Amino acid sequence: MSFLNVPGAQLYYDVSGEGLPLVFVHGAGANSTVFFQQVAHFNKQYRVICLDMRGFGRSYADPESFHPRQFSEDLARILDVEVDGPVVAVCQSMGAWAGLPLAVREPDRFHALVLSGSPTPAYGPHHKVLEVVSERFRRVAAGEKVPPQDLGFSEHFVREHPELIALYQMLARMNQKLDLSTITDPELRLMPEHFIDYQIPTLVMGGLQNKLLGPNTHMVAASCIPGAQAYTFTESGHSSYFEEPEHYNRVVEEFLHANGHAPSNKE
């Protein structure tokens, strides 16, 4: 366990395993612990780094200066300390506002990028959905009881796994109450001109049962990123990594191998 002081925040991150670096960046609904099913799988052959974004989990943020523009810088500072070469980053939902801007700005830091359950900062008509996301999280922050389905979980997962829904909700209660509505600020948009010469292998994934973003948002987001591939999980919603971890891990692993980020002892 490590802490890193950055302007306006203290960041917590966890490192486990040995090998090529693989970074996981969580979304707005939880914190790094939510990736326990990915860590257990990947840290057998990768050096897995999971960070709590500022204001989430064990990371503290100054509420007065908090803004999503800081996310990519926070990720950069952790990479400065923990790695000395390119990484693969797997960014869930809000985490894409850390990974994608940094990849656009400093591509040498990345071997490949996975974005899941996210409109991403790549701007397009699909960004209208961010207004829905902001409204839902404002309701949660105000203490209103919001059904898990409205936060993107599939109906069958809510019905069949109440214990995991309870775990997710407990993790969410660890986070500071911060204003995330600024995720829609125009300054955060990545426009077509930002992607000139973008060549990082990128996979954009989403769940068909996602009532928070809708079933096709990831497809539109992928079309806004040059060369990006898209993958659809037909049986899960916004948090496919949490709902069907074996399937999710397999897709990520295949993408890593296809792009030369496989452990040296693998065929």
C-alpha atoms as a PDB file:
ATOM      1  CA  MET A   1       0.000   0.000   0.000  1.00  0.00           C
ATOM      2  CA  SER A   2       1.319   3.421  -0.967  1.00  0.00           C
ATOM      3  CA  PHE A   3       0.310   7.067  -0.710  1.00  0.00           C
ATOM      4  CA  LEU A   4       1.426   9.887  -2.971  1.00  0.00           C
ATOM      5  CA  ASN A   5       0.961  13.587  -2.271  1.00  0.00           C
ATOM      6  CA  VAL A   6      -0.097  15.652  -5.297  1.00  0.00           C
ATOM      7  CA  PRO A   7      -1.517  19.181  -5.507  1.00  0.00           C
ATOM      8  CA  GLY A   8      -4.858  19.247  -3.696  1.00  0.00           C
ATOM      9  CA  ALA A   9      -4.918  15.559  -2.832  1.00  0.00           C
ATOM     10  CA  GLN A  10      -3.285  12.515  -1.316  1.00  0.00           C
ATOM     11  CA  LEU A  11      -3.559   9.475  -3.569  1.00  0.00           C
ATOM     12  CA  TYR A  12      -3.685   5.872  -2.413  1.00  0.00           C
ATOM     13  CA  TYR A  13      -2.713   3.008  -4.683  1.00  0.00           C
ATOM     14  CA  ASP A  14      -2.055  -0.709  -4.355  1.00  0.00           C
ATOM     15  CA  VAL A  15       0.569  -2.774  -6.200  1.00  0.00           C
ATOM     16  CA  SER A  16       0.624  -6.565  -6.359  1.00  0.00           C
ATOM     17  CA  GLY A  17       2.240  -9.210  -8.518  1.00  0.00           C
ATOM     18  CA  GLU A  18       5.276  -9.087 -10.782  1.00  0.00           C
ATOM     19  CA  GLY A  19       5.730  -8.673 -14.508  1.00  0.00           C
ATOM     20  CA  LEU A  20       4.501  -6.231 -17.126  1.00  0.00           C
ATOM     21  CA  PRO A  21       2.556  -3.308 -15.628  1.00  0.00           C
ATOM     22  CA  LEU A  22      -1.243  -3.391 -15.809  1.00  0.00           C
ATOM     23  CA  VAL A  23      -3.139  -0.436 -14.322  1.00  0.00           C
ATOM     24  CA  PHE A  24      -6.807  -0.393 -13.268  1.00  0.00           C
ATOM     25  CA  VAL A  25      -8.692   2.893 -12.855  1.00  0.00           C
ATOM     26  CA  HIS A  26     -12.174   2.747 -11.289  1.00  0.00           C
ATOM     27  CA  GLY A  27     -15.365   4.663 -11.967  1.00  0.00           C
ATOM     28  CA  ALA A  28     -17.484   7.043  -9.900  1.00  0.00           C
ATOM     29  CA  GLY A  29     -19.551   4.366  -8.159  1.00  0.00           C
ATOM     30  CA  ALA A  30     -16.819   2.739  -6.090  1.00  0.00           C
ATOM     31  CA  ASN A  31     -13.024   2.711  -5.694  1.00  0.00           C
ATOM     32  CA  SER A  32     -10.026   0.513  -6.473  1.00  0.00           C
ATOM     33  CA  THR A  33     -11.136  -2.342  -4.193  1.00  0.00           C
ATOM     34  CA  VAL A  34     -13.971  -3.038  -6.617  1.00  0.00           C
ATOM     35  CA  PHE A  35     -11.392  -4.647  -8.935  1.00  0.00           C
ATOM     36  CA  PHE A  36     -10.707  -7.520  -6.506  1.00  0.00           C
ATOM     37  CA  GLN A  37     -11.822 -10.049  -9.132  1.00  0.00           C
ATOM     38  CA  GLN A  38      -9.416  -8.588 -11.686  1.00  0.00           C
ATOM     39  CA  VAL A  39      -6.498  -8.314  -9.258  1.00  0.00           C
ATOM     40  CA  ALA A  40      -6.843 -11.968  -8.215  1.00  0.00           C
ATOM     41  CA  HIS A  41      -6.728 -13.019 -11.855  1.00  0.00           C
ATOM     42  CA  PHE A  42      -4.049 -10.752 -13.318  1.00  0.00           C
ATOM     43  CA  ASN A  43      -1.533 -10.416 -10.482  1.00  0.00           C
ATOM     44  CA  LYS A  44      -0.417 -13.995 -11.069  1.00  0.00           C
ATOM     45  CA  GLN A  45       1.425 -12.819 -14.194  1.00  0.00           C
ATOM     46  CA  TYR A  46       1.318  -9.008 -14.220  1.00  0.00           C
ATOM     47  CA  ARG A  47       2.363  -6.205 -11.910  1.00  0.00           C
ATOM     48  CA  VAL A  48      -1.099  -4.862 -11.138  1.00  0.00           C
ATOM     49  CA  ILE A  49      -1.507  -1.259 -10.009  1.00  0.00           C
ATOM     50  CA  CYS A  50      -4.902  -0.116  -8.714  1.00  0.00           C
ATOM     51  CA  LEU A  51      -5.412   3.482  -7.645  1.00  0.00           C
ATOM     52  CA  ASP A  52      -8.110   5.293  -5.713  1.00  0.00           C
ATOM     53  CA  MET A  53      -8.936   8.428  -7.675  1.00  0.00           C
ATOM     54  CA  ARG A  54      -8.771  11.631  -5.642  1.00  0.00           C
ATOM     55  CA  GLY A  55     -11.707  11.747  -3.236  1.00  0.00           C
ATOM     56  CA  PHE A  56     -12.460   8.034  -3.607  1.00  0.00           C
ATOM     57  CA  GLY A  57     -11.688   5.214  -1.203  1.00  0.00           C
ATOM     58  CA  ARG A  58      -8.513   5.932   0.725  1.00  0.00           C
ATOM     59  CA  SER A  59      -7.526   8.941  -1.396  1.00  0.00           C
ATOM     60  CA  TYR A  60      -8.343  12.409  -0.098  1.00  0.00           C
ATOM     61  CA  ALA A  61      -9.209  15.452  -2.217  1.00  0.00           C
ATOM     62  CA  ASP A  62      -9.591  19.104  -1.324  1.00  0.00           C
ATOM     63  CA  PRO A  63     -13.291  19.639  -2.182  1.00  0.00           C
ATOM     64  CA  GLU A  64     -12.690  23.283  -3.037  1.00  0.00           C
ATOM     65  CA  SER A  65     -10.240  22.484  -5.834  1.00  0.00           C
ATOM     66  CA  PHE A  66     -11.654  19.138  -7.016  1.00  0.00           C
ATOM     67  CA  HIS A  67     -12.173  18.813 -10.773  1.00  0.00           C
ATOM     68  CA  PRO A  68     -11.942  15.898 -13.243  1.00  0.00           C
ATOM     69  CA  ARG A  69      -9.236  17.764 -15.164  1.00  0.00           C
ATOM     70  CA  GLN A  70      -6.904  16.530 -12.391  1.00  0.00           C
ATOM     71  CA  PHE A  71      -7.547  12.838 -13.056  1.00  0.00           C
ATOM     72  CA  SER A  72      -5.067  12.384 -15.898  1.00  0.00           C
ATOM     73  CA  GLU A  73      -2.355  14.247 -13.995  1.00  0.00           C
ATOM     74  CA  ASP A  74      -2.936  12.037 -10.953  1.00  0.00           C
ATOM     75  CA  LEU A  75      -2.505   8.935 -13.089  1.00  0.00           C
ATOM     76  CA  ALA A  76       0.658  10.394 -14.620  1.00  0.00           C
ATOM     77  CA  ARG A  77       2.220  11.067 -11.214  1.00  0.00           C
ATOM     78  CA  ILE A  78       1.610   7.487 -10.070  1.00  0.00           C
ATOM     79  CA  LEU A  79       3.108   6.143 -13.299  1.00  0.00           C
ATOM     80  CA  ASP A  80       6.128   8.404 -12.737  1.00  0.00           C
ATOM     81  CA  VAL A  81       6.737   6.702  -9.398  1.00  0.00           C
ATOM     82  CA  GLU A  82       5.849   3.107 -10.194  1.00  0.00           C
ATOM     83  CA  VAL A  83       6.815   2.338 -13.803  1.00  0.00           C
ATOM     84  CA  ASP A  84       9.644   3.149 -16.168  1.00  0.00           C
ATOM     85  CA  GLY A  85       8.026   2.116 -19.440  1.00  0.00           C
ATOM     86  CA  PRO A  86       4.674   1.934 -21.218  1.00  0.00           C
ATOM     87  CA  VAL A  87       1.672   0.343 -19.520  1.00  0.00           C
ATOM     88  CA  VAL A  88      -1.731  -1.025 -20.388  1.00  0.00           C
ATOM     89  CA  ALA A  89      -4.441   0.844 -18.494  1.00  0.00           C
ATOM     90  CA  VAL A  90      -7.954  -0.500 -17.966  1.00  0.00           C
ATOM     91  CA  CYS A  91     -10.298   2.389 -17.177  1.00  0.00           C
ATOM     92  CA  GLN A  92     -13.886   1.939 -16.030  1.00  0.00           C
ATOM     93  CA  SER A  93     -16.503   4.654 -16.614  1.00  0.00           C
ATOM     94  CA  MET A  94     -15.177   7.885 -15.013  1.00  0.00           C
ATOM     95  CA  GLY A  95     -11.697   6.356 -15.103  1.00  0.00           C
ATOM     96  CA  ALA A  96     -11.611   7.038 -18.842  1.00  0.00           C
ATOM     97  CA  TRP A  97     -11.175  10.727 -17.943  1.00  0.00           C
ATOM     98  CA  ALA A  98      -7.830   9.702 -16.434  1.00  0.00           C
ATOM     99  CA  GLY A  99      -6.588   7.284 -19.081  1.00  0.00           C
ATOM    100  CA  LEU A 100      -7.696   8.666 -22.440  1.00  0.00           C
ATOM    101  CA  PRO A 101      -6.572  12.323 -22.028  1.00  0.00           C
ATOM    102  CA  LEU A 102      -3.176  11.129 -20.816  1.00  0.00           C
ATOM    103  CA  ALA A 103      -2.890   8.704 -23.731  1.00  0.00           C
ATOM    104  CA  VAL A 104      -3.687  11.509 -26.174  1.00  0.00           C
ATOM    105  CA  ARG A 105      -1.283  13.917 -24.498  1.00  0.00           C
ATOM    106  CA  GLU A 106       1.576  11.509 -23.708  1.00  0.00           C
ATOM    107  CA  PRO A 107       1.192   8.419 -25.911  1.00  0.00           C
ATOM    108  CA  ASP A 108       4.620   7.021 -25.026  1.00  0.00           C
ATOM    109  CA  ARG A 109       3.260   6.120 -21.603  1.00  0.00           C
ATOM    110  CA  PHE A 110       0.870   3.525 -23.084  1.00  0.00           C
ATOM    111  CA  HIS A 111       1.220   0.173 -24.748  1.00  0.00           C
ATOM    112  CA  ALA A 112      -2.564  -0.145 -25.077  1.00  0.00           C
ATOM    113  CA  LEU A 113      -5.751   1.169 -23.484  1.00  0.00           C
ATOM    114  CA  VAL A 114      -9.018  -0.467 -22.425  1.00  0.00           C
ATOM    115  CA  LEU A 115     -12.062   1.719 -21.724  1.00  0.00           C
ATOM    116  CA  SER A 116     -15.182   0.068 -20.321  1.00  0.00           C
ATOM    117  CA  GLY A 117     -18.665   1.232 -19.370  1.00  0.00           C
ATOM    118  CA  SER A 118     -17.851   4.790 -20.408  1.00  0.00           C
ATOM    119  CA  PRO A 119     -18.897   7.492 -22.863  1.00  0.00           C
ATOM    120  CA  THR A 120     -15.197   8.457 -22.631  1.00  0.00           C
ATOM    121  CA  PRO A 121     -14.033  12.053 -23.101  1.00  0.00           C
ATOM    122  CA  ALA A 122     -14.004  11.479 -26.897  1.00  0.00           C
ATOM    123  CA  TYR A 123     -16.753  13.942 -27.751  1.00  0.00           C
ATOM    124  CA  GLY A 124     -19.767  13.060 -29.860  1.00  0.00           C
ATOM    125  CA  PRO A 125     -23.567  12.863 -29.824  1.00  0.00           C
ATOM    126  CA  HIS A 126     -23.403  10.145 -27.180  1.00  0.00           C
ATOM    127  CA  HIS A 127     -22.219  12.699 -24.590  1.00  0.00           C
ATOM    128  CA  LYS A 128     -25.842  13.692 -24.012  1.00  0.00           C
ATOM    129  CA  VAL A 129     -25.960  10.665 -21.703  1.00  0.00           C
ATOM    130  CA  LEU A 130     -23.588  12.414 -19.288  1.00  0.00           C
ATOM    131  CA  GLU A 131     -26.484  14.624 -18.203  1.00  0.00           C
ATOM    132  CA  VAL A 132     -28.325  11.483 -17.077  1.00  0.00           C
ATOM    133  CA  VAL A 133     -25.224  10.219 -15.277  1.00  0.00           C
ATOM    134  CA  SER A 134     -24.735  13.539 -13.461  1.00  0.00           C
ATOM    135  CA  GLU A 135     -28.388  13.567 -12.387  1.00  0.00           C
ATOM    136  CA  ARG A 136     -28.195  10.020 -11.004  1.00  0.00           C
ATOM    137  CA  PHE A 137     -25.062  10.695  -8.997  1.00  0.00           C
ATOM    138  CA  ARG A 138     -26.468  13.962  -7.654  1.00  0.00           C
ATOM    139  CA  ARG A 139     -29.390  11.942  -6.298  1.00  0.00           C
ATOM    140  CA  VAL A 140     -27.023   9.441  -4.682  1.00  0.00           C
ATOM    141  CA  ALA A 141     -24.917  12.218  -3.138  1.00  0.00           C
ATOM    142  CA  ALA A 142     -28.076  13.815  -1.736  1.00  0.00           C
ATOM    143  CA  GLY A 143     -28.858  10.577   0.106  1.00  0.00           C
ATOM    144  CA  GLU A 144     -31.692   9.491  -2.142  1.00  0.00           C
ATOM    145  CA  LYS A 145     -32.137   5.759  -2.563  1.00  0.00           C
ATOM    146  CA  VAL A 146     -31.447   5.001  -6.222  1.00  0.00           C
ATOM    147  CA  PRO A 147     -32.188   1.457  -7.481  1.00  0.00           C
ATOM    148  CA  PRO A 148     -29.042  -0.415  -8.579  1.00  0.00           C
ATOM    149  CA  GLN A 149     -30.598  -0.881 -12.011  1.00  0.00           C
ATOM    150  CA  ASP A 150     -30.646   2.912 -12.443  1.00  0.00           C
ATOM    151  CA  LEU A 151     -26.900   2.897 -11.769  1.00  0.00           C
ATOM    152  CA  GLY A 152     -26.373   0.419 -14.571  1.00  0.00           C
ATOM    153  CA  PHE A 153     -26.577  -3.045 -12.999  1.00  0.00           C
ATOM    154  CA  SER A 154     -28.534  -5.632 -14.968  1.00  0.00           C
ATOM    155  CA  GLU A 155     -31.874  -6.815 -13.627  1.00  0.00           C
ATOM    156  CA  HIS A 156     -30.777 -10.425 -13.270  1.00  0.00           C
ATOM    157  CA  PHE A 157     -27.558  -9.515 -11.421  1.00  0.00           C
ATOM    158  CA  VAL A 158     -29.490  -7.430  -8.879  1.00  0.00           C
ATOM    159  CA  ARG A 159     -31.913 -10.290  -8.400  1.00  0.00           C
ATOM    160  CA  GLU A 160     -29.331 -13.090  -8.192  1.00  0.00           C
ATOM    161  CA  HIS A 161     -26.470 -11.374  -6.307  1.00  0.00           C
ATOM    162  CA  PRO A 162     -27.791  -9.126  -3.539  1.00  0.00           C
ATOM    163  CA  GLU A 163     -24.622  -9.767  -1.532  1.00  0.00           C
ATOM    164  CA  LEU A 164     -22.424  -8.269  -4.280  1.00  0.00           C
ATOM    165  CA  ILE A 165     -24.757  -5.300  -4.664  1.00  0.00           C
ATOM    166  CA  ALA A 166     -24.397  -4.739  -0.903  1.00  0.00           C
ATOM    167  CA  LEU A 167     -20.595  -4.942  -1.235  1.00  0.00           C
ATOM    168  CA  TYR A 168     -20.601  -2.390  -4.067  1.00  0.00           C
ATOM    169  CA  GLN A 169     -22.794  -0.032  -2.035  1.00  0.00           C
ATOM    170  CA  MET A 170     -20.471  -0.348   0.965  1.00  0.00           C
ATOM    171  CA  LEU A 171     -17.493   0.564  -1.215  1.00  0.00           C
ATOM    172  CA  ALA A 172     -19.381   3.582  -2.567  1.00  0.00           C
ATOM    173  CA  ARG A 173     -20.009   4.843   0.967  1.00  0.00           C
ATOM    174  CA  MET A 174     -16.244   5.030   1.517  1.00  0.00           C
ATOM    175  CA  ASN A 175     -15.974   7.884  -0.994  1.00  0.00           C
ATOM    176  CA  GLN A 176     -16.071  11.610  -0.329  1.00  0.00           C
ATOM    177  CA  LYS A 177     -19.181  13.454  -1.457  1.00  0.00           C
ATOM    178  CA  LEU A 178     -17.797  15.527  -4.310  1.00  0.00           C
ATOM    179  CA  ASP A 179     -19.332  17.477  -7.178  1.00  0.00           C
ATOM    180  CA  LEU A 180     -18.929  15.289 -10.263  1.00  0.00           C
ATOM    181  CA  SER A 181     -21.264  17.337 -12.456  1.00  0.00           C
ATOM    182  CA  THR A 182     -18.205  19.084 -13.934  1.00  0.00           C
ATOM    183  CA  ILE A 183     -17.484  15.906 -15.919  1.00  0.00           C
ATOM    184  CA  THR A 184     -19.596  17.587 -18.627  1.00  0.00           C
ATOM    185  CA  ASP A 185     -17.377  20.710 -18.823  1.00  0.00           C
ATOM    186  CA  PRO A 186     -16.407  21.545 -22.422  1.00  0.00           C
ATOM    187  CA  GLU A 187     -12.732  21.815 -21.451  1.00  0.00           C
ATOM    188  CA  LEU A 188     -12.664  18.051 -20.872  1.00  0.00           C
ATOM    189  CA  ARG A 189     -13.862  17.115 -24.345  1.00  0.00           C
ATOM    190  CA  LEU A 190     -11.461  15.372 -26.684  1.00  0.00           C
ATOM    191  CA  MET A 191     -12.294  16.552 -30.193  1.00  0.00           C
ATOM    192  CA  PRO A 192     -11.267  14.975 -33.534  1.00  0.00           C
ATOM    193  CA  GLU A 193      -8.270  17.286 -33.803  1.00  0.00           C
ATOM    194  CA  HIS A 194      -6.934  15.898 -30.520  1.00  0.00           C
ATOM    195  CA  PHE A 195      -6.731  12.441 -32.097  1.00  0.00           C
ATOM    196  CA  ILE A 196      -4.513  13.379 -35.031  1.00  0.00           C
ATOM    197  CA  ASP A 197      -1.787  10.689 -35.178  1.00  0.00           C
ATOM    198  CA  TYR A 198      -3.421   8.687 -32.354  1.00  0.00           C
ATOM    199  CA  GLN A 199      -2.144   5.120 -32.738  1.00  0.00           C
ATOM    200  CA  ILE A 200      -2.547   3.490 -29.313  1.00  0.00           C
ATOM    201  CA  PRO A 201      -4.406   0.160 -29.566  1.00  0.00           C
ATOM    202  CA  THR A 202      -7.700   0.894 -27.825  1.00  0.00           C
ATOM    203  CA  LEU A 203     -10.594  -1.359 -26.855  1.00  0.00           C
ATOM    204  CA  VAL A 204     -13.929   0.192 -25.853  1.00  0.00           C
ATOM    205  CA  MET A 205     -16.289  -2.195 -24.056  1.00  0.00           C
ATOM    206  CA  GLY A 206     -19.844  -1.936 -22.785  1.00  0.00           C
ATOM    207  CA  GLY A 207     -22.757  -3.978 -21.505  1.00  0.00           C
ATOM    208  CA  LEU A 208     -25.994  -4.421 -23.411  1.00  0.00           C
ATOM    209  CA  GLN A 209     -28.036  -4.333 -20.164  1.00  0.00           C
ATOM    210  CA  ASN A 210     -26.743  -0.895 -19.169  1.00  0.00           C
ATOM    211  CA  LYS A 211     -29.703   1.288 -18.134  1.00  0.00           C
ATOM    212  CA  LEU A 212     -27.402   4.106 -17.031  1.00  0.00           C
ATOM    213  CA  LEU A 213     -25.656   4.737 -20.362  1.00  0.00           C
ATOM    214  CA  GLY A 214     -27.795   2.707 -22.730  1.00  0.00           C
ATOM    215  CA  PRO A 215     -26.729  -0.337 -24.753  1.00  0.00           C
ATOM    216  CA  ASN A 216     -24.901   1.365 -27.623  1.00  0.00           C
ATOM    217  CA  THR A 217     -22.956   4.253 -26.067  1.00  0.00           C
ATOM    218  CA  HIS A 218     -19.667   2.347 -26.109  1.00  0.00           C
ATOM    219  CA  MET A 219     -20.078   1.690 -29.833  1.00  0.00           C
ATOM    220  CA  VAL A 220     -20.457   5.391 -30.585  1.00  0.00           C
ATOM    221  CA  ALA A 221     -17.559   6.230 -28.272  1.00  0.00           C
ATOM    222  CA  ALA A 222     -15.344   3.716 -30.085  1.00  0.00           C
ATOM    223  CA  SER A 223     -16.219   5.336 -33.425  1.00  0.00           C
ATOM    224  CA  CYS A 224     -14.844   8.643 -32.084  1.00  0.00           C
ATOM    225  CA  ILE A 225     -11.405   7.150 -31.314  1.00  0.00           C
ATOM    226  CA  PRO A 226      -9.258   6.345 -34.376  1.00  0.00           C
ATOM    227  CA  GLY A 227      -8.620   2.633 -34.755  1.00  0.00           C
ATOM    228  CA  ALA A 228     -10.545   1.649 -31.617  1.00  0.00           C
ATOM    229  CA  GLN A 229     -12.160  -1.754 -31.372  1.00  0.00           C
ATOM    230  CA  ALA A 230     -15.510  -2.293 -29.647  1.00  0.00           C
ATOM    231  CA  TYR A 231     -16.751  -5.230 -27.603  1.00  0.00           C
ATOM    232  CA  THR A 232     -20.255  -5.826 -26.222  1.00  0.00           C
ATOM    233  CA  PHE A 233     -21.120  -7.891 -23.142  1.00  0.00           C
ATOM    234  CA  THR A 234     -24.635  -9.087 -23.871  1.00  0.00           C
ATOM    235  CA  GLU A 235     -25.420 -10.379 -20.376  1.00  0.00           C
ATOM    236  CA  SER A 236     -24.278  -7.503 -18.138  1.00  0.00           C
ATOM    237  CA  GLY A 237     -24.723  -3.788 -17.632  1.00  0.00           C
ATOM    238  CA  HIS A 238     -22.516  -0.837 -16.758  1.00  0.00           C
ATOM    239  CA  SER A 239     -20.088  -2.817 -14.577  1.00  0.00           C
ATOM    240  CA  SER A 240     -19.311  -5.918 -16.631  1.00  0.00           C
ATOM    241  CA  TYR A 241     -16.020  -6.360 -14.747  1.00  0.00           C
ATOM    242  CA  PHE A 242     -18.105  -6.834 -11.569  1.00  0.00           C
ATOM    243  CA  GLU A 243     -21.075  -8.735 -12.975  1.00  0.00           C
ATOM    244  CA  GLU A 244     -19.222 -11.269 -15.146  1.00  0.00           C
ATOM    245  CA  PRO A 245     -15.557 -11.089 -14.156  1.00  0.00           C
ATOM    246  CA  GLU A 246     -14.385 -14.281 -15.846  1.00  0.00           C
ATOM    247  CA  HIS A 247     -15.744 -13.143 -19.199  1.00  0.00           C
ATOM    248  CA  TYR A 248     -14.369  -9.621 -18.709  1.00  0.00           C
ATOM    249  CA  ASN A 249     -10.927 -10.854 -17.662  1.00  0.00           C
ATOM    250  CA  ARG A 250     -10.758 -13.171 -20.662  1.00  0.00           C
ATOM    251  CA  VAL A 251     -11.565 -10.359 -23.105  1.00  0.00           C
ATOM    252  CA  VAL A 252      -8.954  -8.067 -21.526  1.00  0.00           C
ATOM    253  CA  GLU A 253      -6.365 -10.857 -21.514  1.00  0.00           C
ATOM    254  CA  GLU A 254      -6.961 -11.654 -25.178  1.00  0.00           C
ATOM    255  CA  PHE A 255      -6.571  -7.967 -26.028  1.00  0.00           C
ATOM    256  CA  LEU A 256      -3.300  -7.798 -24.067  1.00  0.00           C
ATOM    257  CA  HIS A 257      -1.914 -10.828 -25.849  1.00  0.00           C
ATOM    258  CA  ALA A 258      -3.043  -9.608 -29.270  1.00  0.00           C
ATOM    259  CA  ASN A 259      -1.143  -6.377 -28.688  1.00  0.00           C
ATOM    260  CA  GLY A 260       2.109  -7.852 -27.434  1.00  0.00           C
ATOM    261  CA  HIS A 261       1.574  -7.289 -23.720  1.00  0.00           C
ATOM    262  CA  ALA A 262       1.685 -10.948 -22.738  1.00  0.00           C
ATOM    263  CA  PRO A 263       3.911 -12.372 -19.986  1.00  0.00           C
ATOM    264  CA  SER A 264       7.144 -13.799 -21.369  1.00  0.00           C
ATOM    265  CA  ASN A 265       6.279 -17.289 -20.075  1.00  0.00           C
ATOM    266  CA  LYS A 266       3.055 -17.363 -22.110  1.00  0.00           C
ATOM    267  CA  GLU A 267       2.829 -18.840 -25.588  1.00  0.00           C
END
